Amino acid sequence: MLLAEAWCVFLGFILYISGVQGRTNSICALKDLQVKVIPTTEGQTVSLMCSTSCPLTENPAVYIWYKNGEFLYKDWSPWYQQLVSSEEAVTYSCAIKGYEDLRAPEVSVGLTVKFAPSAVVTEGQRVTLTCSTSCPLSDNTNYIWYLNSRPLTLPENQHKQLVLDPVSSQHAGRYSCAVKTHNIPSSFEKTLTVHSNTGKWTAAAAAGGVAVLLVITALIVFFWVRKKRSSSRSPTTETSLHVEQLNPDVMYENISAQSTEQDDHHYSRLHFSKNHKEDLYSTLQTAQ
């Protein structure tokens, strides 16, 4: 309020030295213009008031009302009463005739569901739903939450805000809210979309499978090349390697034994006698 008054004094000084004094009070008043939302007791209706804390010089003033940014109607009274539907989002604003460019900030009538961080989330995230309204409500106001038009049972510490942590696919659906102790129309439904993590896990599994396949392929190629090189060695090389691995003492004993046996061998001749009656015999001559 002090800031508004200070702004008016400053603006009045500027307009005074500019020679424009008649519109000073009106502009100061319009700068503080706002729409007040007041619930009524007649069902789903609200009363709106185009209000300012500064006095207007125009008497009587003509009030112009706007609905969703479009002209609604004008009247001498600052009051406006409207039956509000919960199926649509409605905003209201007002202005004073002659100062249409100085409209009051838009306000939403009824309740609105807001999602944080977004209305489209992924499983595992934390999602906060807030039931907001332009009407001034006390902190102990009792809120009712609906999912797909069915009331939800809330924890004691959750009323105005509904916290889903962690959110899952079961939480997806159409949410709306209402107030128990006030005749404020319930909010229109808003949809919460929850994406599954299955796609991410599938991609990770596929990447892991490809990595394992590459490792197995590399091992197969390695052992195949190794076997190929082993089979391409020459017989001479294999023989020499085999001989080198044998015990030299054993080889020497075998060779010596073979030499001795050759020296001691007897040789035999086969003689055929001219006389067929004689037996076939053989003489064995030993080496001297």
Protein backbone atom coordinates (compact mmCIF):
# COMPACT_ATOMS: atom_id res chain seq x y z
CA MET A 1 0.00 0.00 0.00
CA LEU A 2 2.81 2.39 0.81
CA LEU A 3 4.39 1.61 -2.55
CA ALA A 4 1.13 2.38 -4.33
CA GLU A 5 0.80 5.72 -2.53
CA ALA A 6 4.42 6.61 -3.27
CA TRP A 7 3.87 5.74 -6.92
CA CYS A 8 0.81 8.00 -7.00
CA VAL A 9 2.75 10.90 -5.51
CA PHE A 10 5.53 10.46 -8.05
CA LEU A 11 3.09 10.13 -10.94
CA GLY A 12 1.13 13.14 -9.71
CA PHE A 13 4.29 15.23 -9.71
CA ILE A 14 5.16 14.15 -13.25
CA LEU A 15 1.65 14.92 -14.50
CA TYR A 16 1.60 18.24 -12.64
CA ILE A 17 4.75 19.53 -14.28
CA SER A 18 3.43 18.20 -17.59
CA GLY A 19 0.23 20.20 -17.22
CA VAL A 20 -2.00 17.12 -16.92
CA GLN A 21 -3.63 17.16 -13.50
CA GLY A 22 -7.19 15.99 -14.00
CA ARG A 23 -6.31 12.33 -14.64
CA THR A 24 -3.83 11.96 -11.80
CA ASN A 25 -6.18 10.52 -9.19
CA SER A 26 -7.92 8.28 -11.70
CA ILE A 27 -4.67 6.77 -12.96
CA CYS A 28 -3.49 6.22 -9.39
CA ALA A 29 -6.73 4.43 -8.60
CA LEU A 30 -6.63 2.32 -11.73
CA LYS A 31 -3.06 1.26 -11.02
CA ASP A 32 -4.40 -0.48 -7.91
CA LEU A 33 -7.40 -2.01 -9.69
CA GLN A 34 -8.09 -5.67 -8.95
CA VAL A 35 -10.80 -8.32 -9.14
CA LYS A 36 -11.89 -9.83 -5.84
CA VAL A 37 -13.55 -13.25 -5.89
CA ILE A 38 -16.15 -13.76 -3.16
CA PRO A 39 -17.97 -17.10 -2.83
CA THR A 40 -21.73 -17.00 -2.32
CA THR A 41 -24.16 -19.43 -0.76
CA GLU A 42 -26.27 -19.97 -3.84
CA GLY A 43 -24.77 -23.13 -5.25
CA GLN A 44 -22.14 -22.94 -7.95
CA THR A 45 -21.95 -19.16 -8.21
CA VAL A 46 -19.33 -16.59 -7.30
CA SER A 47 -19.48 -12.85 -6.85
CA LEU A 48 -16.80 -10.71 -8.44
CA MET A 49 -15.94 -7.17 -7.40
CA CYS A 50 -13.88 -4.68 -9.37
CA SER A 51 -12.08 -2.97 -6.53
CA THR A 52 -9.46 -0.29 -5.89
CA SER A 53 -8.05 1.20 -2.72
CA CYS A 54 -7.97 4.70 -4.20
CA PRO A 55 -11.05 6.92 -4.71
CA LEU A 56 -12.26 7.44 -8.28
CA THR A 57 -12.84 10.97 -9.58
CA GLU A 58 -15.38 9.73 -12.13
CA ASN A 59 -18.70 9.44 -10.32
CA PRO A 60 -20.43 7.30 -11.24
CA ALA A 61 -17.81 5.18 -12.97
CA VAL A 62 -18.66 2.65 -15.65
CA TYR A 63 -17.14 -0.77 -15.06
CA ILE A 64 -16.23 -3.03 -17.97
CA TRP A 65 -15.92 -6.77 -17.44
CA TYR A 66 -13.83 -9.21 -19.48
CA LYS A 67 -14.08 -13.00 -19.58
CA ASN A 68 -11.04 -14.93 -20.83
CA GLY A 69 -9.71 -11.68 -22.27
CA GLU A 70 -12.87 -10.91 -24.25
CA PHE A 71 -15.42 -8.17 -23.54
CA LEU A 72 -18.27 -9.49 -21.39
CA TYR A 73 -20.45 -6.53 -20.44
CA LYS A 74 -20.36 -3.10 -18.74
CA ASP A 75 -22.37 -1.70 -15.84
CA TRP A 76 -22.47 1.07 -13.28
CA SER A 77 -21.99 -1.44 -10.46
CA PRO A 78 -18.58 -2.84 -9.51
CA TRP A 79 -20.24 -6.19 -8.67
CA TYR A 80 -20.68 -9.12 -10.99
CA GLN A 81 -22.19 -12.51 -10.15
CA GLN A 82 -21.69 -15.51 -12.38
CA LEU A 83 -22.62 -19.18 -12.45
CA VAL A 84 -19.34 -20.97 -13.04
CA SER A 85 -18.98 -24.35 -14.72
CA SER A 86 -16.33 -26.74 -13.45
CA GLU A 87 -15.79 -28.06 -16.98
CA GLU A 88 -13.91 -25.04 -18.25
CA ALA A 89 -11.15 -22.70 -17.14
CA VAL A 90 -12.50 -19.18 -16.75
CA THR A 91 -10.61 -15.97 -16.02
CA TYR A 92 -12.09 -12.55 -15.32
CA SER A 93 -10.75 -9.03 -15.44
CA CYS A 94 -12.21 -5.51 -15.24
CA ALA A 95 -11.45 -1.95 -16.26
CA ILE A 96 -12.94 1.54 -15.96
CA LYS A 97 -14.48 3.10 -19.03
CA GLY A 98 -12.08 5.58 -20.51
CA TYR A 99 -9.11 3.66 -19.11
CA GLU A 100 -9.53 0.34 -20.89
CA ASP A 101 -5.78 0.00 -21.32
CA LEU A 102 -5.38 -0.21 -17.52
CA ARG A 103 -7.11 -3.52 -16.85
CA ALA A 104 -7.01 -5.36 -13.56
CA PRO A 105 -4.92 -8.57 -13.53
CA GLU A 106 -6.88 -11.64 -14.59
CA VAL A 107 -8.07 -14.02 -11.89
CA SER A 108 -9.35 -17.57 -12.23
CA VAL A 109 -12.71 -18.37 -10.75
CA GLY A 110 -13.05 -21.68 -8.97
CA LEU A 111 -10.30 -24.20 -8.35
CA THR A 112 -7.46 -25.22 -10.62
CA VAL A 113 -5.21 -28.29 -10.49
CA LYS A 114 -1.54 -27.57 -11.13
CA PHE A 115 1.20 -30.17 -11.68
CA ALA A 116 4.85 -29.77 -10.71
CA PRO A 117 7.23 -30.32 -12.39
CA SER A 118 4.93 -31.20 -15.30
CA ALA A 119 1.74 -32.99 -16.31
CA VAL A 120 3.87 -35.49 -18.27
CA VAL A 121 6.38 -37.38 -16.13
CA THR A 122 8.30 -40.67 -15.94
CA GLU A 123 7.92 -43.42 -13.36
CA GLY A 124 10.01 -42.81 -10.25
CA GLN A 125 9.76 -39.03 -10.27
CA ARG A 126 8.23 -36.89 -7.53
CA VAL A 127 5.03 -35.12 -8.61
CA THR A 128 3.17 -32.48 -6.61
CA LEU A 129 -0.45 -31.60 -7.39
CA THR A 130 -1.75 -28.29 -6.02
CA CYS A 131 -5.39 -27.25 -5.73
CA SER A 132 -5.20 -23.48 -6.22
CA THR A 133 -7.82 -20.76 -6.26
CA SER A 134 -8.01 -16.99 -6.43
CA CYS A 135 -10.32 -16.96 -3.42
CA PRO A 136 -8.68 -16.27 -0.07
CA LEU A 137 -8.98 -19.53 1.87
CA SER A 138 -7.78 -20.33 5.37
CA ASP A 139 -4.95 -22.76 6.05
CA ASN A 140 -7.28 -25.31 7.67
CA THR A 141 -9.49 -25.59 4.59
CA ASN A 142 -10.39 -29.19 3.79
CA TYR A 143 -9.78 -30.22 0.20
CA ILE A 144 -11.16 -33.21 -1.69
CA TRP A 145 -9.16 -34.84 -4.45
CA TYR A 146 -10.61 -36.95 -7.25
CA LEU A 147 -8.93 -39.40 -9.62
CA ASN A 148 -11.05 -40.32 -12.62
CA SER A 149 -14.08 -38.83 -10.78
CA ARG A 150 -13.52 -41.04 -7.72
CA PRO A 151 -12.59 -39.48 -4.35
CA LEU A 152 -9.15 -40.25 -2.98
CA THR A 153 -8.26 -41.00 0.62
CA LEU A 154 -5.50 -38.56 1.55
CA PRO A 155 -2.94 -38.64 4.36
CA GLU A 156 -3.59 -36.18 7.16
CA ASN A 157 -0.72 -33.92 6.10
CA GLN A 158 -1.91 -33.63 2.49
CA HIS A 159 -4.84 -31.39 1.68
CA LYS A 160 -4.16 -28.52 -0.65
CA GLN A 161 -1.24 -30.43 -2.14
CA LEU A 162 -1.18 -34.05 -3.21
CA VAL A 163 2.33 -35.54 -3.37
CA LEU A 164 3.04 -38.65 -5.47
CA ASP A 165 6.51 -39.90 -4.58
CA PRO A 166 7.50 -41.98 -6.39
CA VAL A 167 4.92 -41.71 -9.12
CA SER A 168 3.91 -44.88 -10.98
CA SER A 169 1.72 -45.82 -13.92
CA GLN A 170 -1.14 -46.44 -11.47
CA HIS A 171 -1.21 -42.70 -10.67
CA ALA A 172 -1.93 -41.73 -14.28
CA GLY A 173 -5.40 -40.34 -14.94
CA ARG A 174 -7.70 -37.33 -14.63
CA TYR A 175 -7.38 -35.30 -11.43
CA SER A 176 -9.71 -32.68 -9.97
CA CYS A 177 -10.19 -31.06 -6.58
CA ALA A 178 -12.89 -29.40 -4.49
CA VAL A 179 -13.33 -27.66 -1.14
CA LYS A 180 -15.61 -29.06 1.57
CA THR A 181 -16.57 -25.97 3.53
CA HIS A 182 -17.02 -23.44 0.74
CA ASN A 183 -19.46 -23.14 -2.12
CA ILE A 184 -16.67 -22.92 -4.65
CA PRO A 185 -17.14 -24.93 -7.83
CA SER A 186 -14.85 -27.91 -8.12
CA SER A 187 -12.00 -27.72 -10.55
CA PHE A 188 -12.15 -29.09 -14.05
CA GLU A 189 -10.21 -32.29 -14.67
CA LYS A 190 -6.58 -32.28 -15.71
CA THR A 191 -4.73 -35.33 -16.98
CA LEU A 192 -1.50 -36.68 -15.52
CA THR A 193 0.50 -38.79 -17.98
CA VAL A 194 3.10 -41.22 -16.59
CA HIS A 195 5.58 -42.81 -18.98
CA SER A 196 7.04 -46.22 -18.17
CA ASN A 197 10.74 -46.93 -17.66
CA THR A 198 10.47 -50.16 -19.70
CA GLY A 199 11.79 -48.51 -22.83
CA LYS A 200 14.94 -47.32 -21.05
CA TRP A 201 15.60 -50.76 -19.54
CA THR A 202 15.08 -52.42 -22.92
CA ALA A 203 17.59 -50.11 -24.56
CA ALA A 204 20.13 -50.73 -21.79
CA ALA A 205 19.67 -54.51 -22.05
CA ALA A 206 20.11 -54.37 -25.82
CA ALA A 207 23.31 -52.37 -25.46
CA GLY A 208 24.64 -54.88 -22.91
CA GLY A 209 23.79 -57.80 -25.18
CA VAL A 210 25.65 -56.22 -28.09
CA ALA A 211 28.72 -55.66 -25.89
CA VAL A 212 28.75 -59.30 -24.73
CA LEU A 213 28.37 -60.52 -28.31
CA LEU A 214 31.34 -58.41 -29.43
CA VAL A 215 33.53 -59.83 -26.65
CA ILE A 216 32.59 -63.42 -27.51
CA THR A 217 33.28 -62.81 -31.21
CA ALA A 218 36.70 -61.34 -30.41
CA LEU A 219 37.62 -64.38 -28.29
CA ILE A 220 36.55 -66.81 -31.02
CA VAL A 221 38.65 -64.99 -33.62
CA PHE A 222 41.66 -64.94 -31.26
CA PHE A 223 41.62 -68.69 -30.59
CA TRP A 224 41.00 -69.48 -34.28
CA VAL A 225 44.07 -67.45 -35.35
CA ARG A 226 46.16 -69.11 -32.66
CA LYS A 227 45.12 -72.57 -33.79
CA LYS A 228 45.78 -71.67 -37.43
CA ARG A 229 49.34 -70.61 -36.65
CA SER A 230 50.00 -73.78 -34.65
CA SER A 231 48.84 -76.10 -37.46
CA SER A 232 50.94 -74.30 -40.11
CA ARG A 233 54.31 -75.30 -38.56
CA SER A 234 56.57 -77.67 -40.75
CA PRO A 235 57.15 -81.39 -39.80
CA THR A 236 60.93 -80.79 -39.51
CA THR A 237 60.36 -78.11 -36.98
CA GLU A 238 58.02 -80.32 -35.01
CA THR A 239 60.54 -83.22 -35.11
CA SER A 240 63.40 -81.07 -33.99
CA LEU A 241 61.32 -79.66 -31.20
CA HIS A 242 60.36 -83.19 -30.19
CA VAL A 243 63.95 -84.38 -30.18
CA GLU A 244 65.06 -81.43 -28.10
CA GLN A 245 62.50 -82.29 -25.51
CA LEU A 246 63.72 -85.88 -25.15
CA ASN A 247 66.26 -86.93 -22.50
CA PRO A 248 69.79 -86.94 -24.10
CA ASP A 249 71.02 -89.82 -21.86
CA VAL A 250 68.23 -92.12 -22.97
CA MET A 251 68.93 -91.38 -26.62
CA TYR A 252 72.63 -92.19 -26.19
CA GLU A 253 71.92 -95.54 -24.52
CA ASN A 254 69.55 -96.56 -27.30
CA ILE A 255 72.06 -95.69 -30.00
CA SER A 256 74.92 -97.62 -28.25
CA ALA A 257 72.81 -100.69 -27.79
CA GLN A 258 71.84 -100.74 -31.42
CA SER A 259 75.54 -100.55 -32.47
CA THR A 260 76.56 -103.46 -30.30
CA GLU A 261 73.78 -105.63 -31.57
CA GLN A 262 74.78 -104.99 -35.16
CA ASP A 263 78.37 -106.07 -34.47
CA ASP A 264 77.30 -109.30 -32.80
CA HIS A 265 74.81 -110.27 -35.41
CA HIS A 266 75.44 -113.48 -37.31
CA TYR A 267 74.71 -113.87 -40.85
CA SER A 268 73.38 -117.02 -42.43
CA ARG A 269 73.60 -118.57 -45.83
CA LEU A 270 71.22 -120.83 -47.48
CA HIS A 271 72.93 -123.66 -49.48
CA PHE A 272 71.17 -125.92 -51.86
CA SER A 273 72.97 -129.28 -52.26
CA LYS A 274 73.38 -130.79 -55.58
CA ASN A 275 72.21 -133.96 -54.07
CA HIS A 276 68.58 -133.47 -53.47
CA LYS A 277 68.66 -136.15 -50.84
CA GLU A 278 70.80 -134.03 -48.65
CA ASP A 279 69.00 -131.96 -46.18
CA LEU A 280 68.93 -128.33 -46.45
CA TYR A 281 71.15 -126.85 -43.86
CA SER A 282 72.56 -123.59 -42.94
CA THR A 283 75.88 -122.71 -41.56
CA LEU A 284 76.26 -120.00 -39.17
CA GLN A 285 79.51 -118.23 -39.24
CA THR A 286 80.30 -115.97 -36.50
CA ALA A 287 82.24 -112.87 -37.07
CA GLN A 288 85.83 -113.11 -35.92
